[in-house]
Amino acid sequence: MKSLLLFITLFLLSSIAQAQCQPIIVQSGYPIVVNPQCGDNNGSIEVLAQGNGAITYSLNGQPFQASGLFDMLAPGNYTVTMMDAAGCTEALNFPLSNQSEIIVNSIIEENAGCNADNGRITVNATGVDPLMYQLDGGSPQTGNVFSGLAPGNYTITITDPNNCVEIRTARIRRDGISIDNTVVVDSNCPGSNGSITITASGTGTVRYSFEGGPFTTTNSWNGLAAGAYDIDIEDGAGCTREERVVVNSDINYTIDITNSVCESNNGEIVVNVTSPGNWEYSNDNGANYQTSNTFSG
C-alpha cells in the first residue's frame, strides 16, 4: 500500500512539474546560421531564447553553457538543446553544408620548347563561379590557361566571389634531348672492333649524325678504333645536342713483380701482354720506351 502511494505521489509531482514547464521562445532575429565556407570548419550557429529563468544551451549533447553561440563548425547535422531554470528543454535541428569550396582537379604543365619560351599551364578547378586565376601575383583573369611561359616555378592563386582562396604551384621545364643510355665496347689493340650505341629521347623522331655525317635514325656504329667520336643529335622540334664518346683501347696484360732482397737493387717487373702485336714498354710515364718487357735493378 505504501509503495502504491509513493508511486502515485511521484507521478503527481512529475505531472505537476511538466505542467509547470513554460514555453522556451527563440527571440526575433535568431537563430543565426552561417554555413562553413571555403572548405574550412568555420560554420556557426547562434541561438538566443527566453523562458522560465536563465536559458542554457547544449550542442549535440555536450554540457550546457550560458552562451547560445557555437562556432568553428564543420559541415554536418547539429542539434541545439535549450534548457530553462526548471529543467524544461526544447531542441532545434540545423544541417550545415559547405557553401563555397574551390576544388582543384588537375594542373597540366606543358614544357617550353628548346628554343622558345612557350610553356603553358592549364588549371582545372571547380567552385562558385566566376573563379579568378592569378599567376605569380599578376592581374586576375577568368581564363584558366597561362601561356608563353619560360622555364621556372610558378604560383597560381584561385579566388571565388566569397573570397575563398586556393593556392597551387606548377613548374615549367625546357624540352630538349636527353641521353637515356650509352653503351661503349672498347677496341682490342691493334684492331678496329670497338662500337658505340647511344639512345636519346626528345620530341618526335630523334636522328643522329656520326662524325659529321648525314642525320639518320641509326644510333649504333661498329668497327671503331680507339679514339674520341662526336655524335650530333636532333629531334623533331629542332632541338640539338652534341655528345663526345670515347672508345678506349682494350689491351690484355698481366704484371709480375719480384721485390728486391736485402736492400739490393735486384727487383724486377715483367709485363706480359697477351693482345697480338709488337709492343714497346715504358716505366717513366712514356718518356722512354724499350722493346723488352722486363724492367730490373
Protein backbone atom coordinates (compact mmCIF):
# COMPACT_ATOMS: atom_id res chain seq x y z
CA MET A 1 0.00 0.00 0.00
CA LYS A 2 2.86 2.36 0.86
CA SER A 3 4.57 1.55 -2.45
CA LEU A 4 1.40 2.39 -4.34
CA LEU A 5 1.08 5.70 -2.51
CA LEU A 6 4.73 6.53 -3.26
CA PHE A 7 4.23 5.80 -6.95
CA ILE A 8 1.12 7.94 -7.11
CA THR A 9 2.92 10.76 -5.31
CA LEU A 10 5.89 10.69 -7.72
CA PHE A 11 3.57 10.54 -10.70
CA LEU A 12 1.64 13.56 -9.49
CA LEU A 13 4.84 15.51 -8.80
CA SER A 14 6.11 14.71 -12.27
CA SER A 15 2.83 15.74 -13.83
CA ILE A 16 2.87 18.97 -11.88
CA ALA A 17 6.46 19.66 -12.96
CA GLN A 18 5.56 19.05 -16.60
CA ALA A 19 2.52 21.23 -16.26
CA GLN A 20 4.74 23.98 -14.88
CA CYS A 21 7.08 23.96 -17.97
CA GLN A 22 6.75 27.23 -19.80
CA PRO A 23 7.43 27.61 -23.50
CA ILE A 24 11.03 28.40 -24.47
CA ILE A 25 10.75 31.03 -27.16
CA VAL A 26 13.56 31.83 -29.61
CA GLN A 27 13.92 35.59 -29.83
CA SER A 28 13.34 37.52 -33.03
CA GLY A 29 16.32 37.51 -35.39
CA TYR A 30 17.51 34.12 -34.17
CA PRO A 31 18.74 31.54 -34.87
CA ILE A 32 21.64 32.87 -36.90
CA VAL A 33 23.17 30.11 -39.04
CA VAL A 34 26.41 30.53 -41.01
CA ASN A 35 27.36 27.62 -43.24
CA PRO A 36 31.05 26.66 -43.49
CA GLN A 37 32.92 28.46 -46.24
CA CYS A 38 35.94 27.63 -48.40
CA GLY A 39 36.17 24.05 -47.21
CA ASP A 40 37.10 25.14 -43.68
CA ASN A 41 35.49 24.42 -40.31
CA ASN A 42 34.22 27.96 -39.89
CA GLY A 43 30.45 27.48 -39.69
CA SER A 44 28.44 28.75 -36.72
CA ILE A 45 25.04 28.52 -35.03
CA GLU A 46 23.76 31.17 -32.64
CA VAL A 47 20.51 30.82 -30.66
CA LEU A 48 19.06 33.33 -28.19
CA ALA A 49 15.90 32.29 -26.34
CA GLN A 50 13.79 33.37 -23.38
CA GLY A 51 11.62 31.43 -20.99
CA ASN A 52 11.47 30.44 -17.34
CA GLY A 53 14.62 31.96 -15.88
CA ALA A 54 18.06 31.80 -17.48
CA ILE A 55 18.30 29.71 -20.62
CA THR A 56 21.34 27.49 -21.19
CA TYR A 57 22.36 25.77 -24.40
CA SER A 58 23.91 22.46 -25.44
CA LEU A 59 25.25 21.38 -28.83
CA ASN A 60 24.87 17.70 -29.73
CA GLY A 61 24.57 16.58 -26.13
CA GLN A 62 27.61 18.46 -24.85
CA PRO A 63 27.49 20.19 -21.44
CA PHE A 64 25.12 23.14 -21.21
CA GLN A 65 26.56 26.65 -21.41
CA ALA A 66 25.26 30.16 -20.93
CA SER A 67 26.03 31.24 -24.49
CA GLY A 68 23.97 30.08 -27.42
CA LEU A 69 26.84 30.66 -29.85
CA PHE A 70 28.60 27.63 -31.30
CA ASP A 71 31.33 28.28 -33.85
CA MET A 72 34.22 26.55 -35.66
CA LEU A 73 31.72 24.05 -37.05
CA ALA A 74 32.32 21.68 -39.95
CA PRO A 75 29.59 20.62 -42.37
CA GLY A 76 27.12 18.22 -40.74
CA ASN A 77 23.90 17.93 -38.73
CA TYR A 78 23.66 19.66 -35.35
CA THR A 79 21.10 19.74 -32.54
CA VAL A 80 20.94 22.68 -30.14
CA THR A 81 19.07 21.92 -26.91
CA MET A 82 17.76 24.84 -24.83
CA MET A 83 17.03 24.35 -21.11
CA ASP A 84 15.31 26.76 -18.71
CA ALA A 85 15.68 27.16 -14.95
CA ALA A 86 13.07 24.45 -14.29
CA GLY A 87 14.94 21.91 -16.40
CA CYS A 88 12.45 22.09 -19.23
CA THR A 89 14.02 21.65 -22.68
CA GLU A 90 13.39 22.40 -26.32
CA ALA A 91 15.55 21.24 -29.25
CA LEU A 92 16.31 22.71 -32.67
CA ASN A 93 18.00 20.88 -35.57
CA PHE A 94 20.41 22.54 -38.01
CA PRO A 95 22.01 20.98 -41.11
CA LEU A 96 25.21 22.78 -42.13
CA SER A 97 26.63 22.40 -45.62
CA ASN A 98 29.75 23.75 -47.26
CA GLN A 99 28.53 26.61 -49.40
CA SER A 100 31.76 27.56 -51.11
CA GLU A 101 34.80 25.40 -51.75
CA ILE A 102 37.35 25.58 -54.53
CA ILE A 103 38.40 22.13 -55.70
CA VAL A 104 41.47 21.91 -57.93
CA ASN A 105 41.02 18.79 -60.04
CA SER A 106 44.25 18.98 -62.01
CA ILE A 107 47.08 21.22 -63.17
CA ILE A 108 48.50 20.46 -66.61
CA GLU A 109 52.08 21.60 -67.25
CA GLU A 110 53.33 21.86 -70.85
CA ASN A 111 57.07 22.46 -71.06
CA ALA A 112 58.72 25.23 -73.06
CA GLY A 113 60.45 24.30 -76.29
CA CYS A 114 64.22 24.13 -76.59
CA ASN A 115 64.38 27.45 -78.46
CA ALA A 116 61.30 29.32 -77.20
CA ASP A 117 59.51 30.44 -74.03
CA ASN A 118 56.21 28.83 -74.92
CA GLY A 119 55.37 26.83 -71.82
CA ARG A 120 51.74 26.52 -70.78
CA ILE A 121 49.81 25.90 -67.54
CA THR A 122 46.15 24.83 -67.51
CA VAL A 123 44.26 24.80 -64.18
CA ASN A 124 41.10 22.69 -63.94
CA ALA A 125 39.13 23.82 -60.89
CA THR A 126 35.50 23.91 -59.74
CA GLY A 127 33.70 26.13 -57.25
CA VAL A 128 31.40 29.14 -57.11
CA ASP A 129 31.70 30.96 -60.43
CA PRO A 130 33.25 33.09 -61.59
CA LEU A 131 36.60 31.75 -60.43
CA MET A 132 39.51 34.14 -60.89
CA TYR A 133 43.06 32.99 -61.60
CA GLN A 134 46.34 34.76 -60.92
CA LEU A 135 49.85 33.73 -61.91
CA ASP A 136 52.64 34.90 -59.60
CA GLY A 137 50.51 37.74 -58.24
CA GLY A 138 49.68 39.16 -61.66
CA SER A 139 46.36 40.51 -62.85
CA PRO A 140 43.36 38.25 -62.11
CA GLN A 141 41.71 36.62 -65.10
CA THR A 142 38.71 34.39 -65.66
CA GLY A 143 40.65 32.17 -68.06
CA ASN A 144 42.31 29.11 -66.56
CA VAL A 145 45.19 28.96 -69.06
CA PHE A 146 48.56 30.72 -68.84
CA SER A 147 50.77 30.55 -71.92
CA GLY A 148 54.03 31.95 -73.24
CA LEU A 149 55.89 30.82 -70.12
CA ALA A 150 59.62 30.48 -69.66
CA PRO A 151 61.04 27.59 -67.62
CA GLY A 152 60.64 28.13 -63.88
CA ASN A 153 58.43 27.70 -60.84
CA TYR A 154 55.03 29.41 -60.77
CA THR A 155 52.36 30.10 -58.12
CA ILE A 156 48.69 30.00 -59.13
CA THR A 157 46.10 31.72 -56.91
CA ILE A 158 42.41 30.88 -57.40
CA THR A 159 39.70 33.07 -55.83
CA ASP A 160 35.89 32.81 -55.83
CA PRO A 161 33.25 35.53 -55.21
CA ASN A 162 33.18 34.61 -51.49
CA ASN A 163 36.91 35.38 -51.23
CA CYS A 164 37.76 31.72 -50.82
CA VAL A 165 41.33 31.15 -51.95
CA GLU A 166 43.27 28.11 -53.14
CA ILE A 167 46.98 28.30 -53.94
CA ARG A 168 48.85 25.80 -56.08
CA THR A 169 52.32 25.61 -57.61
CA ALA A 170 53.47 24.45 -61.03
CA ARG A 171 56.83 24.01 -62.73
CA ILE A 172 57.68 24.54 -66.37
CA ARG A 173 60.79 22.82 -67.72
CA ARG A 174 62.50 23.23 -71.05
CA ASP A 175 62.09 20.45 -73.55
CA GLY A 176 65.26 19.08 -75.08
CA ILE A 177 67.13 15.94 -75.89
CA SER A 178 68.03 13.61 -73.05
CA ILE A 179 70.54 10.79 -73.26
CA ASP A 180 68.86 7.66 -71.97
CA ASN A 181 71.70 5.18 -72.41
CA THR A 182 75.21 4.94 -73.88
CA VAL A 183 76.97 1.61 -74.44
CA VAL A 184 80.65 1.55 -75.46
CA VAL A 185 82.60 -1.58 -76.39
CA ASP A 186 86.33 -0.88 -76.30
CA SER A 187 88.53 -1.80 -79.23
CA ASN A 188 91.16 -4.52 -78.97
CA CYS A 189 94.57 -3.18 -79.82
CA PRO A 190 95.66 -3.49 -82.53
CA GLY A 191 92.39 -3.54 -84.39
CA SER A 192 89.16 -1.62 -85.04
CA ASN A 193 86.42 -3.62 -83.41
CA GLY A 194 85.01 -1.14 -80.90
CA SER A 195 81.40 0.04 -81.01
CA ILE A 196 79.12 2.82 -79.74
CA THR A 197 75.37 2.61 -79.17
CA ILE A 198 73.61 5.74 -77.92
CA THR A 199 69.89 6.07 -77.16
CA ALA A 200 68.35 9.53 -76.83
CA SER A 201 64.81 10.84 -76.42
CA GLY A 202 63.20 14.11 -77.42
CA THR A 203 60.20 15.50 -79.27
CA GLY A 204 59.18 13.40 -82.24
CA THR A 205 61.74 11.41 -84.20
CA VAL A 206 65.31 11.52 -82.90
CA ARG A 207 68.12 11.33 -85.50
CA TYR A 208 71.88 11.00 -85.20
CA SER A 209 74.91 12.23 -87.14
CA PHE A 210 78.18 10.35 -86.63
CA GLU A 211 81.38 12.35 -87.11
CA GLY A 212 79.69 14.99 -89.28
CA GLY A 213 77.83 12.52 -91.47
CA PRO A 214 74.17 12.79 -92.51
CA PHE A 215 71.42 12.59 -89.90
CA THR A 216 69.70 9.20 -89.78
CA THR A 217 67.81 7.16 -87.21
CA THR A 218 70.83 4.85 -86.86
CA ASN A 219 72.16 5.03 -83.30
CA SER A 220 74.82 2.30 -83.33
CA TRP A 221 78.25 2.27 -85.01
CA ASN A 222 80.69 -0.64 -85.22
CA GLY A 223 84.24 -1.29 -86.40
CA LEU A 224 85.69 1.59 -84.41
CA ALA A 225 89.31 2.04 -83.43
CA ALA A 226 90.29 3.57 -80.11
CA GLY A 227 89.61 7.31 -80.03
CA ALA A 228 87.05 10.07 -79.41
CA TYR A 229 83.95 10.35 -81.61
CA ASP A 230 81.49 13.24 -82.00
CA ILE A 231 77.80 12.41 -82.35
CA ASP A 232 75.25 15.14 -83.14
CA ILE A 233 71.62 14.50 -82.18
CA GLU A 234 68.46 16.33 -83.27
CA ASP A 235 64.75 15.80 -82.60
CA GLY A 236 61.53 16.68 -84.38
CA ALA A 237 61.28 20.06 -82.62
CA GLY A 238 64.68 21.17 -83.90
CA CYS A 239 66.45 20.71 -80.59
CA THR A 240 70.08 19.62 -80.96
CA ARG A 241 72.73 18.13 -78.72
CA GLU A 242 76.33 17.03 -79.21
CA GLU A 243 77.91 14.11 -77.40
CA ARG A 244 81.57 13.08 -77.44
CA VAL A 245 82.08 9.39 -76.76
CA VAL A 246 85.48 7.79 -76.17
CA VAL A 247 86.35 4.26 -77.29
CA ASN A 248 89.32 3.02 -75.29
CA SER A 249 91.95 0.52 -76.30
CA ASP A 250 91.49 -2.86 -74.67
CA ILE A 251 94.97 -4.32 -74.02
CA ASN A 252 95.14 -7.64 -72.20
CA TYR A 253 98.16 -7.87 -69.96
CA THR A 254 99.49 -9.03 -66.59
CA ILE A 255 102.34 -7.70 -64.46
CA ASP A 256 104.72 -9.88 -62.42
CA ILE A 257 106.70 -8.13 -59.70
CA THR A 258 109.78 -9.52 -57.91
CA ASN A 259 110.77 -7.41 -54.91
CA SER A 260 114.36 -6.50 -54.08
CA VAL A 261 116.11 -8.68 -51.48
CA CYS A 262 118.31 -7.42 -48.64
CA GLU A 263 118.27 -3.81 -49.81
CA SER A 264 119.90 -4.79 -53.11
CA ASN A 265 118.81 -3.40 -56.47
CA ASN A 266 117.72 -6.78 -57.75
CA GLY A 267 113.96 -6.29 -58.10
CA GLU A 268 112.21 -6.98 -61.36
CA ILE A 269 108.97 -6.08 -63.21
CA VAL A 270 107.78 -8.20 -66.12
CA VAL A 271 104.84 -7.04 -68.30
CA ASN A 272 103.13 -9.89 -70.14
CA VAL A 273 100.89 -8.65 -73.00
CA THR A 274 98.60 -11.28 -74.50
CA SER A 275 97.00 -8.99 -77.11
CA PRO A 276 98.51 -9.54 -80.58
CA GLY A 277 101.08 -7.12 -81.98
CA ASN A 278 104.54 -5.71 -81.34
CA TRP A 279 104.71 -3.75 -78.12
CA GLU A 280 107.11 -1.28 -76.54
CA TYR A 281 107.27 -0.57 -72.84
CA SER A 282 107.98 2.45 -70.63
CA ASN A 283 108.42 2.82 -66.87
CA ASP A 284 108.84 6.61 -66.84
CA ASN A 285 105.39 7.85 -67.98
CA GLY A 286 106.21 7.44 -71.67
CA ALA A 287 109.43 9.44 -71.70
CA ASN A 288 111.40 6.44 -72.93
CA TYR A 289 110.31 3.13 -74.47
CA GLN A 290 112.03 -0.24 -74.90
CA THR A 291 111.11 -3.41 -76.74
CA SER A 292 111.92 -5.57 -73.72
CA ASN A 293 109.04 -6.30 -71.39
CA THR A 294 111.32 -6.57 -68.36
CA PHE A 295 112.49 -3.83 -66.03
CA SER A 296 115.14 -4.77 -63.44
CA GLY A 297 117.53 -3.22 -60.96
